[in-house]
N, C-alpha and C. Protein backbone atom coordinates (compact mmCIF):
# COMPACT_ATOMS: atom_id res chain seq x y z
N MET A 1 169.40 67.69 90.29
CA MET A 1 168.53 67.26 89.22
C MET A 1 169.31 67.02 87.94
N SER A 2 170.30 67.89 87.67
CA SER A 2 171.09 67.69 86.46
C SER A 2 171.93 66.43 86.57
N THR A 3 172.30 66.00 87.80
CA THR A 3 173.04 64.75 87.98
C THR A 3 172.16 63.56 87.62
N LEU A 4 170.90 63.58 88.00
CA LEU A 4 169.98 62.51 87.64
C LEU A 4 169.77 62.46 86.15
N ASN A 5 169.57 63.60 85.53
CA ASN A 5 169.40 63.64 84.07
C ASN A 5 170.65 63.13 83.37
N SER A 6 171.81 63.52 83.89
CA SER A 6 173.06 63.06 83.29
C SER A 6 173.21 61.55 83.48
N ASN A 7 172.87 61.03 84.66
CA ASN A 7 172.93 59.59 84.91
C ASN A 7 171.92 58.85 84.04
N ASN A 8 170.71 59.41 83.94
CA ASN A 8 169.69 58.79 83.10
C ASN A 8 170.15 58.75 81.64
N LYS A 9 170.76 59.84 81.20
CA LYS A 9 171.26 59.89 79.82
C LYS A 9 172.33 58.84 79.61
N ASN A 10 173.22 58.69 80.59
CA ASN A 10 174.28 57.69 80.47
C ASN A 10 173.71 56.27 80.45
N ILE A 11 172.69 56.03 81.28
CA ILE A 11 172.05 54.71 81.30
C ILE A 11 171.39 54.43 79.96
N PHE A 12 170.62 55.41 79.46
CA PHE A 12 169.94 55.22 78.17
C PHE A 12 170.95 55.06 77.04
N LEU A 13 172.05 55.80 77.09
CA LEU A 13 173.09 55.68 76.07
C LEU A 13 173.72 54.28 76.13
N ALA A 14 174.00 53.79 77.33
CA ALA A 14 174.58 52.45 77.49
C ALA A 14 173.60 51.39 77.01
N LEU A 15 172.32 51.54 77.34
CA LEU A 15 171.30 50.60 76.86
C LEU A 15 171.20 50.63 75.34
N GLY A 16 171.24 51.82 74.77
CA GLY A 16 171.17 51.96 73.31
C GLY A 16 172.34 51.30 72.62
N ILE A 17 173.53 51.50 73.16
CA ILE A 17 174.73 50.89 72.57
C ILE A 17 174.65 49.37 72.72
N SER A 18 174.20 48.88 73.87
CA SER A 18 174.07 47.43 74.08
C SER A 18 173.07 46.84 73.10
N ALA A 19 171.94 47.52 72.92
CA ALA A 19 170.92 47.03 71.98
C ALA A 19 171.48 47.01 70.57
N ALA A 20 172.21 48.04 70.18
CA ALA A 20 172.80 48.08 68.84
C ALA A 20 173.79 46.94 68.64
N LEU A 21 174.60 46.65 69.65
CA LEU A 21 175.56 45.55 69.56
C LEU A 21 174.84 44.20 69.42
N VAL A 22 173.74 44.02 70.16
CA VAL A 22 172.98 42.78 70.07
C VAL A 22 172.40 42.62 68.67
N VAL A 23 171.84 43.71 68.13
CA VAL A 23 171.26 43.67 66.78
C VAL A 23 172.34 43.38 65.74
N LEU A 24 173.46 44.08 65.83
CA LEU A 24 174.55 43.85 64.87
C LEU A 24 175.08 42.43 64.98
N SER A 25 175.21 41.93 66.20
CA SER A 25 175.68 40.57 66.39
C SER A 25 174.70 39.57 65.79
N ALA A 26 173.41 39.80 66.01
CA ALA A 26 172.39 38.90 65.45
C ALA A 26 172.41 38.95 63.93
N CYS A 27 172.57 40.15 63.37
CA CYS A 27 172.62 40.27 61.90
C CYS A 27 173.84 39.56 61.36
N ASN A 28 174.96 39.68 62.04
CA ASN A 28 176.19 39.03 61.58
C ASN A 28 176.06 37.51 61.64
N ASN A 29 175.42 36.99 62.70
CA ASN A 29 175.25 35.54 62.82
C ASN A 29 174.30 34.99 61.78
N ASP A 30 173.36 35.78 61.31
CA ASP A 30 172.36 35.33 60.35
C ASP A 30 172.70 35.76 58.92
N ALA A 31 173.95 36.14 58.66
CA ALA A 31 174.32 36.63 57.34
C ALA A 31 174.12 35.60 56.25
N ASP A 32 174.20 34.31 56.59
CA ASP A 32 174.06 33.27 55.58
C ASP A 32 172.61 32.86 55.34
N THR A 33 171.70 33.37 56.14
CA THR A 33 170.29 33.00 55.95
C THR A 33 169.62 33.99 55.04
N THR A 34 168.49 33.60 54.50
CA THR A 34 167.76 34.49 53.62
C THR A 34 166.37 34.70 54.18
N SER A 35 165.75 35.82 53.79
CA SER A 35 164.39 36.08 54.24
C SER A 35 163.43 35.13 53.55
N SER A 36 162.23 35.02 54.11
CA SER A 36 161.27 34.09 53.51
C SER A 36 160.89 34.53 52.10
N ALA A 37 160.88 35.84 51.83
CA ALA A 37 160.58 36.30 50.47
C ALA A 37 161.70 35.90 49.52
N ALA A 38 162.94 36.02 49.99
CA ALA A 38 164.07 35.63 49.14
C ALA A 38 164.07 34.12 48.92
N LYS A 39 163.68 33.36 49.96
CA LYS A 39 163.61 31.91 49.79
C LYS A 39 162.57 31.54 48.76
N ALA A 40 161.45 32.24 48.75
CA ALA A 40 160.42 31.93 47.76
C ALA A 40 160.94 32.20 46.36
N ASP A 41 161.71 33.28 46.20
CA ASP A 41 162.26 33.59 44.88
C ASP A 41 163.32 32.58 44.47
N SER A 42 164.14 32.16 45.43
CA SER A 42 165.23 31.26 45.07
C SER A 42 164.82 29.80 45.07
N ALA A 43 163.63 29.48 45.53
CA ALA A 43 163.20 28.08 45.56
C ALA A 43 163.17 27.48 44.18
N SER A 44 162.83 28.29 43.18
CA SER A 44 162.81 27.76 41.82
C SER A 44 164.21 27.59 41.26
N LYS A 45 165.20 28.25 41.87
CA LYS A 45 166.55 28.14 41.37
C LYS A 45 167.35 27.07 42.10
N MET A 46 167.13 26.98 43.41
CA MET A 46 167.96 26.06 44.15
C MET A 46 167.28 25.71 45.46
N ALA A 47 167.29 24.45 45.84
CA ALA A 47 166.71 24.04 47.11
C ALA A 47 167.73 24.31 48.20
N ASP A 48 167.24 24.71 49.37
CA ASP A 48 168.15 24.88 50.49
C ASP A 48 167.44 24.56 51.78
N THR A 49 168.23 24.32 52.81
CA THR A 49 167.66 24.13 54.13
C THR A 49 167.72 25.46 54.83
N SER A 50 166.83 25.68 55.76
CA SER A 50 166.83 26.92 56.51
C SER A 50 167.88 26.82 57.59
N ALA A 51 168.59 27.92 57.83
CA ALA A 51 169.52 27.96 58.94
C ALA A 51 168.66 28.24 60.16
N ALA A 52 168.68 27.33 61.08
CA ALA A 52 167.82 27.46 62.25
C ALA A 52 168.68 27.69 63.48
N THR A 53 168.18 28.52 64.39
CA THR A 53 168.87 28.73 65.64
C THR A 53 168.38 27.70 66.63
N VAL A 54 169.30 26.98 67.22
CA VAL A 54 168.97 25.96 68.20
C VAL A 54 169.54 26.45 69.53
N GLY A 55 168.66 26.78 70.46
CA GLY A 55 169.11 27.33 71.73
C GLY A 55 169.61 28.75 71.53
N PRO A 56 170.33 29.27 72.50
CA PRO A 56 170.73 30.67 72.41
C PRO A 56 171.86 30.95 71.44
N SER A 57 172.73 29.98 71.12
CA SER A 57 173.87 30.36 70.29
C SER A 57 174.25 29.36 69.21
N LYS A 58 173.58 28.20 69.08
CA LYS A 58 173.96 27.23 68.07
C LYS A 58 173.17 27.46 66.80
N THR A 59 173.84 27.40 65.65
CA THR A 59 173.14 27.47 64.37
C THR A 59 173.44 26.23 63.57
N VAL A 60 172.48 25.84 62.76
CA VAL A 60 172.63 24.68 61.90
C VAL A 60 173.08 25.18 60.53
N LYS A 61 174.12 24.60 59.97
CA LYS A 61 174.59 25.02 58.66
C LYS A 61 173.58 24.67 57.58
N THR A 62 173.57 25.46 56.54
CA THR A 62 172.64 25.21 55.44
C THR A 62 173.31 24.39 54.36
N LYS A 63 172.49 23.61 53.67
CA LYS A 63 172.96 22.86 52.52
C LYS A 63 172.16 23.32 51.33
N LYS A 64 172.80 23.39 50.21
CA LYS A 64 172.13 23.76 48.98
C LYS A 64 172.47 22.73 47.92
N GLY A 65 171.52 22.47 47.07
CA GLY A 65 171.76 21.53 45.99
C GLY A 65 171.43 22.17 44.66
N ASN A 66 172.01 21.63 43.61
CA ASN A 66 171.69 22.11 42.28
C ASN A 66 171.65 20.93 41.32
N ALA A 67 171.23 21.23 40.13
CA ALA A 67 171.19 20.18 39.10
C ALA A 67 171.75 20.77 37.82
N SER A 68 172.36 19.92 37.04
CA SER A 68 172.90 20.35 35.75
C SER A 68 172.62 19.27 34.71
N VAL A 69 172.75 19.66 33.46
CA VAL A 69 172.46 18.78 32.34
C VAL A 69 173.69 18.70 31.47
N THR A 70 174.01 17.50 31.03
CA THR A 70 175.08 17.31 30.05
C THR A 70 174.46 16.66 28.84
N MET A 71 174.36 17.40 27.76
CA MET A 71 173.75 16.88 26.54
C MET A 71 174.76 16.01 25.81
N SER A 72 174.29 14.90 25.33
CA SER A 72 175.12 13.98 24.58
C SER A 72 175.32 14.51 23.17
N SER A 73 176.52 14.39 22.68
CA SER A 73 176.80 14.80 21.30
C SER A 73 176.92 13.58 20.40
N ASP A 74 176.23 12.51 20.77
CA ASP A 74 176.25 11.27 20.01
C ASP A 74 175.47 11.48 18.71
N LYS A 75 176.17 11.64 17.62
CA LYS A 75 175.54 11.92 16.32
C LYS A 75 175.54 10.64 15.49
N LYS A 76 174.40 9.94 15.49
CA LYS A 76 174.27 8.76 14.66
C LYS A 76 173.80 9.21 13.28
N THR A 77 174.26 8.55 12.27
CA THR A 77 173.87 8.94 10.92
C THR A 77 172.69 8.13 10.40
N LYS A 78 172.49 6.95 10.95
CA LYS A 78 171.42 6.09 10.48
C LYS A 78 170.11 6.43 11.21
N ILE A 79 169.05 6.62 10.46
CA ILE A 79 167.75 6.91 11.05
C ILE A 79 167.17 5.61 11.60
N GLU A 80 166.79 5.64 12.87
CA GLU A 80 166.25 4.45 13.53
C GLU A 80 164.87 4.73 14.09
N LYS A 81 163.97 3.79 13.85
CA LYS A 81 162.62 3.87 14.39
C LYS A 81 162.43 2.67 15.30
N GLY A 82 162.01 2.94 16.54
CA GLY A 82 161.81 1.85 17.50
C GLY A 82 160.58 1.03 17.18
N SER A 83 160.43 -0.10 17.87
CA SER A 83 159.29 -0.99 17.65
C SER A 83 157.97 -0.32 18.04
N ASP A 84 158.04 0.71 18.88
CA ASP A 84 156.84 1.43 19.28
C ASP A 84 156.46 2.56 18.31
N GLY A 85 157.20 2.68 17.22
CA GLY A 85 156.91 3.71 16.22
C GLY A 85 157.54 5.06 16.53
N VAL A 86 158.34 5.12 17.59
CA VAL A 86 159.02 6.37 17.98
C VAL A 86 160.45 6.30 17.48
N TYR A 87 160.90 7.37 16.84
CA TYR A 87 162.26 7.42 16.32
C TYR A 87 163.27 7.58 17.45
N VAL A 88 164.39 6.88 17.32
CA VAL A 88 165.50 7.02 18.24
C VAL A 88 166.51 8.01 17.65
N THR A 89 166.63 8.00 16.34
CA THR A 89 167.42 9.00 15.62
C THR A 89 166.57 9.49 14.45
N ALA A 90 166.82 10.71 14.05
CA ALA A 90 166.06 11.32 12.97
C ALA A 90 167.00 12.15 12.10
N ASP A 91 166.49 12.59 10.93
CA ASP A 91 167.30 13.47 10.08
C ASP A 91 167.73 14.69 10.89
N GLU A 92 166.75 15.29 11.57
CA GLU A 92 166.99 16.42 12.46
C GLU A 92 166.43 16.04 13.82
N MET A 93 167.29 15.96 14.80
CA MET A 93 166.85 15.61 16.16
C MET A 93 166.11 16.80 16.78
N PRO A 94 165.21 16.54 17.73
CA PRO A 94 164.50 17.64 18.39
C PRO A 94 165.49 18.62 19.02
N GLN A 95 165.09 19.87 19.06
CA GLN A 95 165.96 20.91 19.61
C GLN A 95 165.20 21.70 20.66
N TYR A 96 165.83 21.88 21.81
CA TYR A 96 165.26 22.69 22.87
C TYR A 96 165.38 24.15 22.46
N PRO A 97 164.34 24.97 22.70
CA PRO A 97 164.44 26.39 22.31
C PRO A 97 165.58 27.08 23.07
N GLY A 98 166.53 27.60 22.34
CA GLY A 98 167.68 28.26 22.95
C GLY A 98 168.90 27.36 23.05
N GLY A 99 168.75 26.08 22.74
CA GLY A 99 169.88 25.17 22.71
C GLY A 99 170.26 24.58 24.06
N ASP A 100 171.44 23.98 24.11
CA ASP A 100 171.91 23.26 25.29
C ASP A 100 172.06 24.17 26.51
N ALA A 101 172.55 25.39 26.31
CA ALA A 101 172.72 26.31 27.44
C ALA A 101 171.36 26.64 28.05
N ALA A 102 170.34 26.79 27.21
CA ALA A 102 169.00 27.13 27.71
C ALA A 102 168.38 25.97 28.48
N ILE A 103 168.62 24.74 28.04
CA ILE A 103 168.06 23.60 28.78
C ILE A 103 168.74 23.46 30.14
N SER A 104 170.04 23.70 30.20
CA SER A 104 170.74 23.66 31.49
C SER A 104 170.21 24.74 32.42
N GLN A 105 169.98 25.92 31.88
CA GLN A 105 169.43 27.02 32.67
C GLN A 105 168.03 26.69 33.17
N PHE A 106 167.20 26.09 32.32
CA PHE A 106 165.85 25.71 32.71
C PHE A 106 165.88 24.73 33.89
N VAL A 107 166.71 23.71 33.77
CA VAL A 107 166.80 22.71 34.83
C VAL A 107 167.30 23.36 36.12
N SER A 108 168.33 24.17 36.03
CA SER A 108 168.88 24.84 37.20
C SER A 108 167.85 25.74 37.87
N ASN A 109 167.05 26.44 37.08
CA ASN A 109 166.06 27.36 37.62
C ASN A 109 164.84 26.67 38.21
N HIS A 110 164.56 25.45 37.82
CA HIS A 110 163.34 24.78 38.24
C HIS A 110 163.55 23.65 39.25
N ILE A 111 164.79 23.43 39.67
CA ILE A 111 165.06 22.32 40.60
C ILE A 111 164.55 22.64 42.00
N ASN A 112 163.99 21.65 42.62
CA ASN A 112 163.66 21.68 44.04
C ASN A 112 164.30 20.42 44.63
N TYR A 113 165.56 20.56 45.03
CA TYR A 113 166.31 19.42 45.54
C TYR A 113 165.58 18.89 46.77
N PRO A 114 165.19 17.62 46.78
CA PRO A 114 164.44 17.09 47.92
C PRO A 114 165.21 17.23 49.24
N GLN A 115 164.54 17.78 50.24
CA GLN A 115 165.18 18.03 51.54
C GLN A 115 165.76 16.75 52.15
N SER A 116 165.03 15.66 52.06
CA SER A 116 165.51 14.40 52.66
C SER A 116 166.81 13.95 52.01
N ASP A 117 166.96 14.20 50.71
CA ASP A 117 168.19 13.82 50.02
C ASP A 117 169.34 14.77 50.35
N LEU A 118 169.02 16.05 50.59
CA LEU A 118 170.05 16.97 51.07
C LEU A 118 170.56 16.50 52.43
N ASP A 119 169.62 16.15 53.31
CA ASP A 119 169.99 15.70 54.65
C ASP A 119 170.82 14.42 54.61
N ASP A 120 170.50 13.54 53.67
CA ASP A 120 171.20 12.26 53.55
C ASP A 120 172.41 12.32 52.60
N ASN A 121 172.73 13.51 52.13
CA ASN A 121 173.87 13.73 51.21
C ASN A 121 173.78 12.87 49.95
N LYS A 122 172.58 12.70 49.42
CA LYS A 122 172.41 11.90 48.21
C LYS A 122 172.63 12.78 46.98
N GLU A 123 173.51 12.32 46.10
CA GLU A 123 173.84 12.98 44.84
C GLU A 123 173.89 11.93 43.75
N GLY A 124 173.83 12.38 42.52
CA GLY A 124 174.01 11.46 41.41
C GLY A 124 173.30 11.92 40.16
N THR A 125 173.38 11.10 39.14
CA THR A 125 172.79 11.43 37.84
C THR A 125 171.58 10.55 37.58
N VAL A 126 170.51 11.20 37.14
CA VAL A 126 169.27 10.51 36.77
C VAL A 126 169.11 10.69 35.27
N LYS A 127 168.94 9.59 34.56
CA LYS A 127 168.68 9.66 33.12
C LYS A 127 167.18 9.57 32.91
N VAL A 128 166.62 10.63 32.32
CA VAL A 128 165.19 10.67 32.06
C VAL A 128 164.97 10.48 30.56
N SER A 129 164.23 9.43 30.22
CA SER A 129 163.87 9.15 28.84
C SER A 129 162.49 9.75 28.59
N PHE A 130 162.31 10.42 27.46
CA PHE A 130 161.02 11.03 27.15
C PHE A 130 160.86 11.14 25.64
N ILE A 131 159.64 11.44 25.23
CA ILE A 131 159.34 11.56 23.81
C ILE A 131 158.98 13.01 23.50
N ILE A 132 159.53 13.51 22.40
CA ILE A 132 159.09 14.79 21.84
C ILE A 132 158.14 14.43 20.72
N ASP A 133 156.87 14.81 20.86
CA ASP A 133 155.89 14.43 19.84
C ASP A 133 156.00 15.34 18.60
N GLU A 134 155.11 15.11 17.65
CA GLU A 134 155.16 15.85 16.37
C GLU A 134 154.95 17.36 16.55
N LYS A 135 154.33 17.76 17.64
CA LYS A 135 154.11 19.18 17.90
C LYS A 135 155.20 19.79 18.79
N GLY A 136 156.13 18.95 19.23
CA GLY A 136 157.23 19.43 20.08
C GLY A 136 156.97 19.30 21.56
N ASN A 137 155.83 18.71 21.94
CA ASN A 137 155.50 18.56 23.35
C ASN A 137 156.29 17.41 23.98
N VAL A 138 156.64 17.58 25.25
CA VAL A 138 157.33 16.54 26.01
C VAL A 138 156.27 15.58 26.54
N THR A 139 156.44 14.29 26.27
CA THR A 139 155.50 13.28 26.76
C THR A 139 156.26 12.10 27.35
N ASN A 140 155.59 11.35 28.20
CA ASN A 140 156.08 10.09 28.77
C ASN A 140 157.47 10.13 29.39
N PRO A 141 157.77 11.12 30.26
CA PRO A 141 159.10 11.10 30.89
C PRO A 141 159.16 9.99 31.93
N VAL A 142 160.19 9.17 31.83
CA VAL A 142 160.42 8.09 32.80
C VAL A 142 161.92 8.00 33.08
N VAL A 143 162.24 7.56 34.29
CA VAL A 143 163.64 7.37 34.64
C VAL A 143 164.11 6.06 34.02
N SER A 144 165.22 6.11 33.30
CA SER A 144 165.80 4.88 32.75
C SER A 144 166.96 4.48 33.65
N GLY A 145 166.96 3.24 34.07
CA GLY A 145 167.96 2.78 35.02
C GLY A 145 167.49 2.99 36.45
N ALA A 146 168.41 2.83 37.39
CA ALA A 146 168.06 2.90 38.81
C ALA A 146 167.86 4.32 39.32
N GLY A 147 168.53 5.29 38.72
CA GLY A 147 168.45 6.66 39.23
C GLY A 147 169.21 6.80 40.52
N VAL A 148 168.77 7.73 41.36
CA VAL A 148 169.49 8.02 42.61
C VAL A 148 168.64 7.62 43.82
N SER A 149 167.47 8.20 43.94
CA SER A 149 166.51 7.87 45.00
C SER A 149 165.13 8.15 44.41
N SER A 150 164.10 7.64 45.04
CA SER A 150 162.76 7.85 44.48
C SER A 150 162.41 9.33 44.44
N SER A 151 162.80 10.09 45.47
CA SER A 151 162.45 11.52 45.47
C SER A 151 163.25 12.31 44.44
N ILE A 152 164.52 11.99 44.26
CA ILE A 152 165.32 12.67 43.22
C ILE A 152 164.83 12.24 41.84
N ASN A 153 164.52 10.96 41.67
CA ASN A 153 163.99 10.49 40.38
C ASN A 153 162.69 11.23 40.05
N ASN A 154 161.80 11.37 41.04
CA ASN A 154 160.54 12.08 40.82
C ASN A 154 160.77 13.54 40.48
N GLU A 155 161.75 14.17 41.12
CA GLU A 155 162.06 15.57 40.83
C GLU A 155 162.59 15.71 39.40
N ALA A 156 163.41 14.78 38.96
CA ALA A 156 163.94 14.84 37.59
C ALA A 156 162.80 14.73 36.57
N THR A 157 161.87 13.80 36.77
CA THR A 157 160.76 13.67 35.83
C THR A 157 159.82 14.88 35.91
N ARG A 158 159.66 15.45 37.11
CA ARG A 158 158.82 16.66 37.25
C ARG A 158 159.39 17.81 36.42
N ILE A 159 160.72 17.99 36.49
CA ILE A 159 161.37 19.06 35.74
C ILE A 159 161.16 18.86 34.24
N VAL A 160 161.35 17.63 33.77
CA VAL A 160 161.20 17.35 32.33
C VAL A 160 159.75 17.59 31.89
N LYS A 161 158.78 17.20 32.71
CA LYS A 161 157.37 17.42 32.37
C LYS A 161 157.05 18.91 32.20
N GLN A 162 157.75 19.77 32.92
CA GLN A 162 157.49 21.21 32.88
C GLN A 162 158.14 21.92 31.69
N MET A 163 158.96 21.22 30.94
CA MET A 163 159.69 21.88 29.84
C MET A 163 158.72 22.44 28.80
N PRO A 164 159.11 23.57 28.22
CA PRO A 164 158.29 24.10 27.12
C PRO A 164 158.45 23.24 25.87
N ALA A 165 157.65 23.54 24.88
CA ALA A 165 157.70 22.76 23.63
C ALA A 165 159.07 22.90 22.97
N TRP A 166 159.51 21.80 22.40
CA TRP A 166 160.76 21.73 21.65
C TRP A 166 160.45 21.89 20.17
N LYS A 167 161.48 22.08 19.36
CA LYS A 167 161.35 21.95 17.92
C LYS A 167 161.38 20.44 17.67
N PRO A 168 160.32 19.88 17.06
CA PRO A 168 160.24 18.42 16.93
C PRO A 168 161.31 17.85 15.99
N GLY A 169 161.54 16.55 16.14
CA GLY A 169 162.45 15.84 15.24
C GLY A 169 161.83 15.75 13.85
N MET A 170 162.67 15.68 12.84
CA MET A 170 162.19 15.63 11.45
C MET A 170 162.81 14.45 10.71
N VAL A 171 161.97 13.76 9.93
CA VAL A 171 162.42 12.70 9.03
C VAL A 171 161.80 13.00 7.67
N LYS A 172 162.66 13.20 6.67
CA LYS A 172 162.22 13.51 5.31
C LYS A 172 161.25 14.69 5.28
N GLY A 173 161.59 15.72 6.09
CA GLY A 173 160.78 16.94 6.10
C GLY A 173 159.50 16.87 6.91
N LYS A 174 159.25 15.75 7.56
CA LYS A 174 158.01 15.58 8.32
C LYS A 174 158.34 15.46 9.82
N ALA A 175 157.56 16.19 10.65
CA ALA A 175 157.75 16.11 12.11
C ALA A 175 157.36 14.72 12.59
N VAL A 176 158.20 14.14 13.46
CA VAL A 176 157.97 12.78 13.96
C VAL A 176 158.20 12.73 15.47
N LYS A 177 157.61 11.71 16.10
CA LYS A 177 157.87 11.44 17.51
C LYS A 177 159.29 10.93 17.64
N THR A 178 160.03 11.51 18.59
CA THR A 178 161.42 11.13 18.77
C THR A 178 161.71 10.95 20.25
N ARG A 179 162.39 9.87 20.57
CA ARG A 179 162.76 9.59 21.97
C ARG A 179 164.13 10.20 22.27
N LEU A 180 164.21 10.86 23.42
CA LEU A 180 165.47 11.44 23.88
C LEU A 180 165.75 10.96 25.29
N GLU A 181 167.00 11.06 25.70
CA GLU A 181 167.39 10.76 27.07
C GLU A 181 168.19 11.94 27.59
N LEU A 182 167.78 12.46 28.74
CA LEU A 182 168.41 13.62 29.32
C LEU A 182 169.02 13.25 30.67
N PRO A 183 170.35 13.29 30.80
CA PRO A 183 170.96 13.02 32.10
C PRO A 183 170.95 14.31 32.95
N ILE A 184 170.36 14.22 34.13
CA ILE A 184 170.31 15.36 35.05
C ILE A 184 171.12 14.98 36.28
N THR A 185 172.16 15.76 36.56
CA THR A 185 173.04 15.48 37.68
C THR A 185 172.65 16.35 38.88
N PHE A 186 172.36 15.70 40.00
CA PHE A 186 172.03 16.37 41.25
C PHE A 186 173.28 16.39 42.11
N LYS A 187 173.66 17.59 42.57
CA LYS A 187 174.89 17.74 43.35
C LYS A 187 174.63 18.69 44.51
N ILE A 188 175.14 18.31 45.66
CA ILE A 188 175.02 19.17 46.85
C ILE A 188 176.20 20.11 46.85
N ASN A 189 175.92 21.40 47.02
CA ASN A 189 176.98 22.39 47.09
C ASN A 189 177.70 22.27 48.43
N PRO A 190 178.99 22.54 48.46
CA PRO A 190 179.71 22.49 49.73
C PRO A 190 179.11 23.51 50.71
N GLU A 191 179.09 23.12 51.99
CA GLU A 191 178.55 24.03 53.00
C GLU A 191 179.54 25.17 53.20
N SER A 192 178.95 26.33 53.43
CA SER A 192 179.83 27.50 53.63
C SER A 192 180.00 27.79 55.09
């Protein structure tokens, strides 16, 4: 009887070790994937594809994309008002709350890189033209030029529409509507 118990113990021990190795192996293979809760948290920061298991041992690599903003330091001295009554330059140009670093952070945190563009390796810069009204609200965002793709262009305008109020442009101490152009660069991160 003790031989059977000893054999049973050895079998259970071997099964336990095998199960542990399978679990550790599975965890190691999925180290680059994230849980669905983590994906929900990171979706506002960066779009990614899910690493999917295809068959018993093949995995699909993930792609991640991000966006960044490069603010122009073009300082014109002459105040210009467009034919539509919107200023192109002002005494004081509109200012994003927190400055250039904060606008870059906002864009980076709110991007949802379109999956189809990740799959097609589409990258590039979209210039979004918009108006900051007298109250600092963002209005009329439109892509100026060709952009990258319709889905990336739409994502760029969506991000701009979500921006919080800016400090409005000023001319002779009075808040005025001012047109700005924001270049947003979409880039796919190298696969790991």
